[in-house]
Amino acid sequence: MSGRLKRGLQALTVVAVAAYTTLLLYQGAAQLPPSRPSQQMFAARQVSRGWQERAPRSVGRDYDSLSLSLPESAPPPPTPPTHRGPPPRPPPAATTALQDVFISVKTTGSYHRARLPLILKTWFQLAKKQTWFFTDTDDPEFQLKTNGHMINTNCSSSHNRKALCCKMSVEFDVFLESNKKWFCHVDDDNYVNVPRLVRVLSGYNPQQDWYLGKPSIRAPLEILNRDNTAQKISFWFATGGAGFCLSRALALKMMPVASGGKFISIGEKIRLPDDVTMGYIIEHMLQKPLTVIEQFHSHLEPMKFLRPDTIQDQITFSYSHYSKDEMNVVKIDGFDKRIDPTRFLSIHCFLFPYFSFCPR
């Protein structure tokens, strides 16, 4: 065989081996699952989108939380907390009855004749043994009319913060001595729907810490820390003019800092009135949250927006003067406005029409 022929056969052999090897490699690759990096990246993006950032949610009622739509595969956003709302509570240990409630009414000597007769004629008749009036002067006439339930606190008759804290301090101490389950404070310009108050209190256990009321401000109160002026303190408080209630369990925890006149000292320290001092002690010092009860109402809100069909559901009402000719009162039919400018008589007869002075 010539050398040229031999070299040709060798070349053909090399080409054949290379072709066969290439065929084997191609078949092996064809049996492997195809790689799809674009689909894998898309799937990863889907997972990432499923955990997209959620909108901030305010703990107050003054701002509407934003809403973002999430894919079905993503967990739902958490339920926004209610304003200072408590965790779910167990059933109360026992149903609250009227005799379990201590109702204190803060008043002053100059308002005895102007405000107390209306209270004594209406809701006081439903809670004579449970209601006490805290004033700043002796008054034999109203001592008799209240069945001996008027207490002279010997506090100043002025409306400054020290005088207000002085009366609240006495109210608190007298409640502690009463051994009642609930302490409920109102002002002498409040009407109290007594049966509704008792029903609401029945939903809470007095052996647990409860601070029930309604704020009149849109955000927590912020004050300087008197012990460290570089710091600020933020807390909610229930407006005294709407009324508020404390459970006995909470009141007992307050004793070391609030009883025996200590309440007055704290009010002077923070330089704020009685209802704010109460919130400071409970929310800041004891770290117990205010539970908002919307059915408490003060003269700081427009009474005319309370619908007549919800009157029976409310706990307290109030009144004030917008001007000489305009009153801030509940809009309800009943007595002539000249006879009943505060609308308390009309509210009472709407709720309890069997009273003798109610129109038939």
Protein backbone atom coordinates (compact mmCIF):
# COMPACT_ATOMS: atom_id res chain seq x y z
CA MET A 1 0.00 0.00 0.00
CA SER A 2 1.43 3.33 -0.99
CA GLY A 3 2.13 5.97 1.61
CA ARG A 4 -0.44 8.36 0.14
CA LEU A 5 -3.24 5.77 0.41
CA LYS A 6 -2.25 4.91 3.95
CA ARG A 7 -2.39 8.55 5.09
CA GLY A 8 -5.83 8.91 3.48
CA LEU A 9 -7.27 5.94 5.37
CA GLN A 10 -5.92 7.31 8.66
CA ALA A 11 -7.55 10.66 8.02
CA LEU A 12 -10.93 9.04 7.28
CA THR A 13 -10.65 6.99 10.48
CA VAL A 14 -10.04 10.14 12.59
CA VAL A 15 -13.02 11.90 10.98
CA ALA A 16 -15.28 8.88 11.59
CA VAL A 17 -14.26 8.61 15.27
CA ALA A 18 -14.82 12.33 15.78
CA ALA A 19 -18.25 12.17 14.15
CA TYR A 20 -19.29 9.20 16.27
CA THR A 21 -18.12 10.87 19.48
CA THR A 22 -20.04 14.03 18.60
CA LEU A 23 -23.19 11.97 17.99
CA LEU A 24 -22.89 10.25 21.39
CA LEU A 25 -22.45 13.58 23.18
CA TYR A 26 -25.48 15.10 21.41
CA GLN A 27 -27.71 12.13 22.31
CA GLY A 28 -26.62 12.32 25.99
CA ALA A 29 -27.38 16.01 26.11
CA ALA A 30 -30.78 15.45 24.49
CA GLN A 31 -31.79 13.13 27.36
CA LEU A 32 -31.11 15.79 30.06
CA PRO A 33 -34.01 18.12 31.16
CA PRO A 34 -33.74 21.47 29.43
CA SER A 35 -32.49 24.43 31.45
CA ARG A 36 -34.97 27.38 31.57
CA PRO A 37 -33.28 30.19 33.49
CA SER A 38 -35.79 32.80 32.33
CA GLN A 39 -38.73 30.88 33.88
CA GLN A 40 -36.80 30.31 37.11
CA MET A 41 -36.09 34.02 37.43
CA PHE A 42 -39.77 34.81 36.77
CA ALA A 43 -40.84 32.37 39.47
CA ALA A 44 -38.42 33.99 41.90
CA ARG A 45 -39.87 37.39 41.10
CA GLN A 46 -43.37 36.04 41.76
CA VAL A 47 -42.35 34.86 45.24
CA SER A 48 -40.75 38.21 45.94
CA ARG A 49 -43.88 40.07 44.83
CA GLY A 50 -45.97 37.85 47.09
CA TRP A 51 -44.25 39.47 50.11
CA GLN A 52 -44.46 43.02 48.92
CA GLU A 53 -44.19 45.71 51.56
CA ARG A 54 -47.43 46.55 53.28
CA ALA A 55 -48.88 49.95 53.99
CA PRO A 56 -48.33 51.55 57.38
CA ARG A 57 -51.28 51.39 59.74
CA SER A 58 -52.05 53.99 62.36
CA VAL A 59 -53.16 53.03 65.84
CA GLY A 60 -55.44 56.06 65.89
CA ARG A 61 -58.79 56.59 64.22
CA ASP A 62 -57.80 59.90 62.67
CA TYR A 63 -55.96 58.46 59.70
CA ASP A 64 -57.22 56.00 57.13
CA SER A 65 -54.76 53.16 56.59
CA LEU A 66 -53.68 52.61 53.02
CA SER A 67 -54.70 49.40 51.27
CA LEU A 68 -52.47 47.37 48.97
CA SER A 69 -53.80 44.40 46.98
CA LEU A 70 -51.71 41.28 47.55
CA PRO A 71 -51.54 38.15 45.39
CA GLU A 72 -53.70 35.29 46.60
CA SER A 73 -50.62 33.31 47.52
CA ALA A 74 -49.48 35.93 50.02
CA PRO A 75 -50.72 35.99 53.62
CA PRO A 76 -53.23 38.76 54.39
CA PRO A 77 -51.99 41.92 56.09
CA PRO A 78 -52.38 42.08 59.85
CA THR A 79 -55.55 43.55 61.29
CA PRO A 80 -54.89 47.15 62.31
CA PRO A 81 -55.02 47.62 66.07
CA THR A 82 -57.89 49.63 67.48
CA HIS A 83 -57.10 52.83 69.33
CA ARG A 84 -55.58 51.72 72.62
CA GLY A 85 -57.81 48.68 72.44
CA PRO A 86 -57.24 45.79 74.86
CA PRO A 87 -56.48 42.19 73.90
CA PRO A 88 -59.47 39.83 73.79
CA ARG A 89 -60.80 39.51 77.29
CA PRO A 90 -62.17 36.43 79.04
CA PRO A 91 -65.76 36.48 80.30
CA PRO A 92 -66.19 38.51 83.49
CA ALA A 93 -66.06 36.63 86.77
CA ALA A 94 -69.49 37.92 87.74
CA THR A 95 -72.13 40.17 86.24
CA THR A 96 -71.91 43.76 87.46
CA ALA A 97 -75.01 45.05 89.23
CA LEU A 98 -75.94 48.62 90.09
CA GLN A 99 -74.89 48.17 93.72
CA ASP A 100 -71.34 47.38 92.52
CA VAL A 101 -70.87 50.87 91.06
CA PHE A 102 -69.68 54.03 92.82
CA ILE A 103 -70.69 57.16 90.86
CA SER A 104 -69.01 60.41 91.85
CA VAL A 105 -70.24 63.80 90.62
CA LYS A 106 -67.80 66.71 90.79
CA THR A 107 -69.51 70.04 91.47
CA THR A 108 -68.96 73.39 93.17
CA GLY A 109 -71.03 75.56 95.49
CA SER A 110 -71.85 78.14 92.82
CA TYR A 111 -73.43 75.45 90.63
CA HIS A 112 -75.55 73.71 93.26
CA ARG A 113 -78.76 75.55 92.42
CA ALA A 114 -78.05 75.86 88.70
CA ARG A 115 -77.13 72.24 87.91
CA LEU A 116 -77.95 69.82 90.71
CA PRO A 117 -81.79 70.06 90.64
CA LEU A 118 -81.81 68.74 87.07
CA ILE A 119 -79.65 65.76 88.05
CA LEU A 120 -81.69 65.07 91.18
CA LYS A 121 -84.92 65.09 89.18
CA THR A 122 -83.69 62.74 86.47
CA TRP A 123 -80.94 60.13 86.51
CA PHE A 124 -80.12 60.42 90.24
CA GLN A 125 -83.51 58.81 90.90
CA LEU A 126 -82.16 55.62 89.29
CA ALA A 127 -79.00 55.46 91.42
CA LYS A 128 -79.68 57.26 94.70
CA LYS A 129 -77.54 54.95 96.84
CA GLN A 130 -74.69 54.75 94.35
CA THR A 131 -74.24 58.46 93.53
CA TRP A 132 -72.19 60.91 95.63
CA PHE A 133 -71.64 64.64 95.06
CA PHE A 134 -68.20 66.11 95.77
CA THR A 135 -68.26 69.85 96.36
CA ASP A 136 -66.33 72.61 98.13
CA THR A 137 -68.81 73.98 100.65
CA ASP A 138 -71.39 72.86 103.18
CA ASP A 139 -74.94 72.98 101.84
CA PRO A 140 -77.64 71.71 104.25
CA GLU A 141 -80.37 72.08 101.60
CA PHE A 142 -78.72 69.80 99.05
CA GLN A 143 -77.32 67.55 101.74
CA LEU A 144 -80.97 66.79 102.53
CA LYS A 145 -82.01 66.51 98.88
CA THR A 146 -79.19 64.05 98.12
CA ASN A 147 -80.05 61.87 101.12
CA GLY A 148 -76.77 62.77 102.83
CA HIS A 149 -74.70 61.98 99.73
CA MET A 150 -72.94 65.35 99.48
CA ILE A 151 -69.29 65.49 100.57
CA ASN A 152 -67.49 68.75 101.29
CA THR A 153 -63.94 68.10 100.08
CA ASN A 154 -62.68 71.35 101.66
CA CYS A 155 -60.93 72.00 98.35
CA SER A 156 -60.83 75.44 96.76
CA SER A 157 -63.90 76.51 94.79
CA SER A 158 -61.74 77.78 91.93
CA HIS A 159 -61.36 75.89 88.68
CA ASN A 160 -57.57 75.69 88.67
CA ARG A 161 -55.70 72.41 88.36
CA LYS A 162 -54.87 72.10 92.06
CA ALA A 163 -58.51 72.50 93.08
CA LEU A 164 -59.63 69.98 90.45
CA CYS A 165 -56.97 67.45 91.49
CA CYS A 166 -57.93 68.01 95.13
CA LYS A 167 -61.53 66.97 94.48
CA MET A 168 -60.51 64.00 92.33
CA SER A 169 -58.18 62.87 95.10
CA VAL A 170 -61.06 62.85 97.60
CA GLU A 171 -63.34 61.07 95.11
CA PHE A 172 -60.72 58.36 94.63
CA ASP A 173 -60.13 57.84 98.37
CA VAL A 174 -63.85 57.68 99.19
CA PHE A 175 -64.30 55.07 96.44
CA LEU A 176 -61.52 52.94 97.93
CA GLU A 177 -63.29 53.02 101.29
CA SER A 178 -66.61 52.00 99.67
CA ASN A 179 -65.39 48.54 98.59
CA LYS A 180 -67.38 48.93 95.35
CA LYS A 181 -66.16 47.18 92.19
CA TRP A 182 -66.24 50.20 89.87
CA PHE A 183 -65.36 53.88 90.26
CA CYS A 184 -67.16 56.08 87.70
CA HIS A 185 -66.53 59.83 87.68
CA VAL A 186 -68.79 62.39 85.95
CA ASP A 187 -69.24 66.16 86.09
CA ASP A 188 -72.31 68.13 87.17
CA ASP A 189 -73.14 68.89 83.51
CA ASN A 190 -73.44 65.18 82.64
CA TYR A 191 -76.56 63.09 82.24
CA VAL A 192 -75.86 59.41 83.02
CA ASN A 193 -77.87 56.64 81.38
CA VAL A 194 -77.56 54.45 84.47
CA PRO A 195 -78.88 51.12 83.09
CA ARG A 196 -76.66 51.44 80.02
CA LEU A 197 -73.62 52.20 82.19
CA VAL A 198 -74.21 49.05 84.23
CA ARG A 199 -74.67 46.94 81.09
CA VAL A 200 -71.40 48.19 79.61
CA LEU A 201 -69.50 47.58 82.83
CA SER A 202 -70.89 44.04 82.88
CA GLY A 203 -68.74 43.32 79.84
CA TYR A 204 -65.53 43.86 81.84
CA ASN A 205 -64.08 42.03 84.80
CA PRO A 206 -63.51 44.37 87.79
CA GLN A 207 -60.82 41.99 89.02
CA GLN A 208 -58.75 42.99 85.99
CA ASP A 209 -57.18 46.37 85.21
CA TRP A 210 -59.61 48.53 83.25
CA TYR A 211 -59.50 52.25 82.47
CA LEU A 212 -62.64 53.01 80.47
CA GLY A 213 -63.39 56.37 78.90
CA LYS A 214 -63.04 58.55 75.84
CA PRO A 215 -60.33 61.05 74.86
CA SER A 216 -61.16 64.47 73.47
CA ILE A 217 -57.88 64.91 71.58
CA ARG A 218 -56.81 63.49 68.23
CA ALA A 219 -53.40 62.22 69.32
CA PRO A 220 -51.74 61.19 72.60
CA LEU A 221 -50.83 64.09 74.85
CA GLU A 222 -47.11 64.83 74.82
CA ILE A 223 -45.49 66.58 77.78
CA LEU A 224 -41.96 67.17 79.05
CA ASN A 225 -40.57 64.70 81.53
CA ARG A 226 -40.13 66.78 84.68
CA ASP A 227 -37.43 64.38 85.89
CA ASN A 228 -35.51 64.64 82.61
CA THR A 229 -36.40 67.67 80.50
CA ALA A 230 -34.53 66.22 77.54
CA GLN A 231 -37.23 63.55 77.27
CA LYS A 232 -40.91 63.72 76.39
CA ILE A 233 -43.76 61.57 77.71
CA SER A 234 -46.72 60.54 75.58
CA PHE A 235 -50.00 59.16 76.92
CA TRP A 236 -53.79 59.13 76.42
CA PHE A 237 -56.31 60.27 79.01
CA ALA A 238 -60.09 59.99 79.30
CA THR A 239 -61.85 63.34 79.36
CA GLY A 240 -63.40 63.97 82.76
CA GLY A 241 -66.25 65.93 81.22
CA ALA A 242 -67.42 62.81 79.41
CA GLY A 243 -67.02 60.53 82.40
CA PHE A 244 -64.73 57.56 82.92
CA CYS A 245 -64.61 54.37 84.98
CA LEU A 246 -61.85 52.45 86.77
CA SER A 247 -62.01 48.85 87.92
CA ARG A 248 -61.21 48.17 91.57
CA ALA A 249 -58.23 46.04 90.57
CA LEU A 250 -56.67 49.02 88.79
CA ALA A 251 -57.55 51.42 91.62
CA LEU A 252 -55.75 49.18 94.12
CA LYS A 253 -52.62 49.27 91.96
CA MET A 254 -52.89 53.07 91.95
CA MET A 255 -53.01 53.34 95.76
CA PRO A 256 -49.25 53.67 96.38
CA VAL A 257 -49.01 56.69 94.06
CA ALA A 258 -52.51 58.22 94.13
CA SER A 259 -54.21 57.70 97.51
CA GLY A 260 -53.94 59.83 100.62
CA GLY A 261 -53.41 63.09 98.71
CA LYS A 262 -50.59 61.79 96.51
CA PHE A 263 -52.83 62.40 93.49
CA ILE A 264 -52.59 66.15 94.15
CA SER A 265 -48.78 65.99 94.30
CA ILE A 266 -48.56 64.29 90.93
CA GLY A 267 -50.94 66.82 89.39
CA GLU A 268 -48.72 69.61 90.67
CA LYS A 269 -45.61 67.87 89.40
CA ILE A 270 -46.88 67.62 85.82
CA ARG A 271 -48.88 70.90 86.16
CA LEU A 272 -52.00 69.48 84.56
CA PRO A 273 -55.64 69.08 85.70
CA ASP A 274 -57.37 66.08 87.27
CA ASP A 275 -58.41 64.01 84.24
CA VAL A 276 -54.98 64.42 82.62
CA THR A 277 -53.29 63.47 85.89
CA MET A 278 -55.45 60.34 86.03
CA GLY A 279 -54.30 59.35 82.54
CA TYR A 280 -50.67 60.11 83.43
CA ILE A 281 -50.79 57.82 86.45
CA ILE A 282 -52.56 54.97 84.67
CA GLU A 283 -51.01 55.06 81.20
CA HIS A 284 -47.53 56.37 81.94
CA MET A 285 -46.74 55.30 85.49
CA LEU A 286 -48.63 52.00 85.59
CA GLN A 287 -48.45 51.28 81.85
CA LYS A 288 -52.15 50.35 81.67
CA PRO A 289 -53.88 51.42 78.43
CA LEU A 290 -57.02 53.47 78.10
CA THR A 291 -59.88 51.45 76.63
CA VAL A 292 -62.00 53.76 74.49
CA ILE A 293 -65.75 53.60 75.06
CA GLU A 294 -67.40 55.71 72.38
CA GLN A 295 -70.68 56.03 74.30
CA PHE A 296 -69.20 58.58 76.74
CA HIS A 297 -69.87 62.16 75.56
CA SER A 298 -68.62 65.55 76.76
CA HIS A 299 -69.55 69.11 75.82
CA LEU A 300 -66.30 69.23 73.83
CA GLU A 301 -68.04 67.39 70.99
CA PRO A 302 -71.11 68.53 69.03
CA MET A 303 -74.09 66.87 70.67
CA LYS A 304 -76.37 67.50 67.69
CA PHE A 305 -74.74 64.68 65.72
CA LEU A 306 -76.03 62.02 68.13
CA ARG A 307 -78.94 60.38 66.32
CA PRO A 308 -82.16 59.98 68.33
CA ASP A 309 -82.33 56.27 67.44
CA THR A 310 -79.00 55.71 69.27
CA ILE A 311 -79.86 57.61 72.46
CA GLN A 312 -80.60 54.42 74.41
CA ASP A 313 -77.11 53.09 73.54
CA GLN A 314 -75.20 56.08 74.94
CA ILE A 315 -73.79 56.26 78.48
CA THR A 316 -73.35 59.98 79.14
CA PHE A 317 -74.48 63.26 77.59
CA SER A 318 -73.48 66.84 78.24
CA TYR A 319 -74.26 70.39 77.14
CA SER A 320 -72.58 73.76 76.70
CA HIS A 321 -73.16 77.19 75.18
CA TYR A 322 -71.84 77.93 71.72
CA SER A 323 -73.01 81.49 72.14
CA LYS A 324 -75.66 83.45 74.03
CA ASP A 325 -78.35 82.22 71.64
CA GLU A 326 -77.02 78.79 70.64
CA MET A 327 -76.67 75.71 72.82
CA ASN A 328 -74.58 72.60 72.20
CA VAL A 329 -77.21 70.01 73.10
CA VAL A 330 -78.63 66.70 71.92
CA LYS A 331 -81.11 67.22 69.11
CA ILE A 332 -84.19 65.46 70.43
CA ASP A 333 -87.91 66.18 70.53
CA GLY A 334 -89.61 66.68 73.85
CA PHE A 335 -90.04 69.65 76.14
CA ASP A 336 -90.00 73.22 74.92
CA LYS A 337 -86.46 74.59 74.80
CA ARG A 338 -87.38 77.34 77.25
CA ILE A 339 -88.32 74.67 79.81
CA ASP A 340 -85.56 72.24 78.92
CA PRO A 341 -82.60 74.14 77.41
CA THR A 342 -80.11 71.35 78.26
CA ARG A 343 -82.46 68.66 76.80
CA PHE A 344 -81.80 66.48 79.85
CA LEU A 345 -85.51 66.32 80.72
CA SER A 346 -86.32 65.30 77.15
CA ILE A 347 -83.58 62.65 77.12
CA HIS A 348 -84.78 61.26 80.43
CA CYS A 349 -88.41 61.04 79.30
CA PHE A 350 -87.32 59.44 76.03
CA LEU A 351 -85.48 56.74 77.98
CA PHE A 352 -87.86 56.44 80.95
CA PRO A 353 -91.30 57.72 79.94
CA TYR A 354 -92.95 56.32 83.08
CA PHE A 355 -91.64 59.20 85.25
CA SER A 356 -94.48 61.37 86.53
CA PHE A 357 -93.23 64.62 84.99
CA CYS A 358 -92.98 63.12 81.50
CA PRO A 359 -95.77 64.10 79.06
CA ARG A 360 -98.39 61.42 78.48
